Amino acid sequence: MSAPLAAPTADALRARLVDILAPTQLEVIDESADHAGHVGANGTGFGTHFRVRIASAQFAGKTRVAQHRLVYDALRPFLDQGLHALAIDITR
């Protein structure tokens, strides 16, 4: 029997986004505690609901949907670790 995966952390998401998207601005906020009792909450108050505020040269010339897809694709490994909800704010 395998051990359960650890819940994602803001630091882990931040490191992945830096590696993949080389952001010029980045803020990763764990908002899980604000969603206690909601679908996808794990009862710990962290690791399930995040907000990402990000700017990257890789977003230039792309639609908002394409920009968000880049962020989701970069964070895909965290979905298996309990990432349930992701709010994305593209900044300039």
Protein backbone atom coordinates (compact mmCIF):
# COMPACT_ATOMS: atom_id res chain seq x y z
CA MET A 1 0.00 0.00 0.00
CA SER A 2 1.47 3.36 -1.00
CA ALA A 3 1.59 6.35 1.31
CA PRO A 4 -0.83 9.20 0.54
CA LEU A 5 0.64 12.09 -1.37
CA ALA A 6 1.43 15.20 0.62
CA ALA A 7 -0.82 18.18 -0.02
CA PRO A 8 0.66 20.79 -2.35
CA THR A 9 2.23 23.88 -0.81
CA ALA A 10 2.43 27.46 -2.06
CA ASP A 11 6.22 27.13 -2.11
CA ALA A 12 6.08 24.03 -4.31
CA LEU A 13 3.65 25.68 -6.76
CA ARG A 14 5.82 28.81 -6.81
CA ALA A 15 8.98 26.81 -7.57
CA ARG A 16 7.28 24.93 -10.41
CA LEU A 17 5.93 28.13 -11.98
CA VAL A 18 9.36 29.78 -11.75
CA ASP A 19 10.96 26.76 -13.45
CA ILE A 20 8.39 26.47 -16.23
CA LEU A 21 7.16 30.02 -16.93
CA ALA A 22 10.00 32.28 -15.67
CA PRO A 23 7.51 34.84 -14.34
CA THR A 24 8.37 38.51 -14.01
CA GLN A 25 5.80 38.79 -11.21
CA LEU A 26 4.47 35.94 -9.08
CA GLU A 27 2.35 35.55 -6.00
CA VAL A 28 0.96 32.18 -4.87
CA ILE A 29 -1.61 32.27 -2.07
CA ASP A 30 -3.03 29.23 -0.30
CA GLU A 31 -6.70 30.12 0.22
CA SER A 32 -7.68 26.65 1.45
CA ALA A 33 -8.70 27.81 4.92
CA ASP A 34 -11.32 30.07 3.32
CA HIS A 35 -12.93 26.99 1.74
CA ALA A 36 -13.30 24.76 4.80
CA GLY A 37 -16.31 22.49 4.39
CA HIS A 38 -16.45 23.03 0.62
CA VAL A 39 -16.05 20.32 -1.99
CA GLY A 40 -12.39 19.48 -2.40
CA ALA A 41 -11.33 20.74 1.04
CA ASN A 42 -9.20 18.19 2.85
CA GLY A 43 -9.99 19.24 6.42
CA THR A 44 -6.49 20.58 7.13
CA GLY A 45 -7.03 24.14 5.92
CA PHE A 46 -4.20 24.02 3.38
CA GLY A 47 -3.15 22.49 0.09
CA THR A 48 -6.42 22.44 -1.86
CA HIS A 49 -7.37 25.96 -3.02
CA PHE A 50 -4.81 28.39 -4.41
CA ARG A 51 -4.72 31.80 -6.08
CA VAL A 52 -1.88 32.57 -8.51
CA ARG A 53 -1.09 36.13 -9.61
CA ILE A 54 1.43 35.92 -12.40
CA ALA A 55 3.05 37.81 -15.27
CA SER A 56 5.32 36.14 -17.80
CA ALA A 57 6.81 37.00 -21.18
CA GLN A 58 5.47 33.61 -22.30
CA PHE A 59 1.95 35.07 -22.16
CA ALA A 60 2.67 37.71 -24.82
CA GLY A 61 0.33 37.51 -27.80
CA LYS A 62 -1.74 34.69 -26.29
CA THR A 63 -5.41 34.76 -25.44
CA ARG A 64 -6.48 34.65 -21.82
CA VAL A 65 -7.51 31.02 -22.26
CA ALA A 66 -4.08 30.13 -23.66
CA GLN A 67 -2.37 31.99 -20.80
CA HIS A 68 -4.42 30.08 -18.22
CA ARG A 69 -3.69 26.80 -20.02
CA LEU A 70 0.05 27.44 -19.62
CA VAL A 71 -0.42 27.86 -15.86
CA TYR A 72 -2.65 24.77 -15.57
CA ASP A 73 -0.22 22.70 -17.63
CA ALA A 74 2.69 23.78 -15.43
CA LEU A 75 0.78 22.81 -12.28
CA ARG A 76 -0.70 19.54 -13.58
CA PRO A 77 1.48 17.36 -11.29
CA PHE A 78 -0.15 18.97 -8.26
CA LEU A 79 -3.65 17.86 -9.26
CA ASP A 80 -2.79 14.32 -8.12
CA GLN A 81 -1.61 15.75 -4.80
CA GLY A 82 -4.96 17.30 -3.92
CA LEU A 83 -4.95 20.61 -5.76
CA HIS A 84 -8.67 21.12 -6.19
CA ALA A 85 -9.19 24.76 -7.17
CA LEU A 86 -6.95 27.31 -8.82
CA ALA A 87 -7.79 30.98 -9.32
CA ILE A 88 -5.49 32.61 -11.86
CA ASP A 89 -4.94 36.36 -12.16
CA ILE A 90 -2.77 37.31 -15.13
CA THR A 91 -0.99 40.58 -14.38
CA ARG A 92 1.17 42.87 -16.47
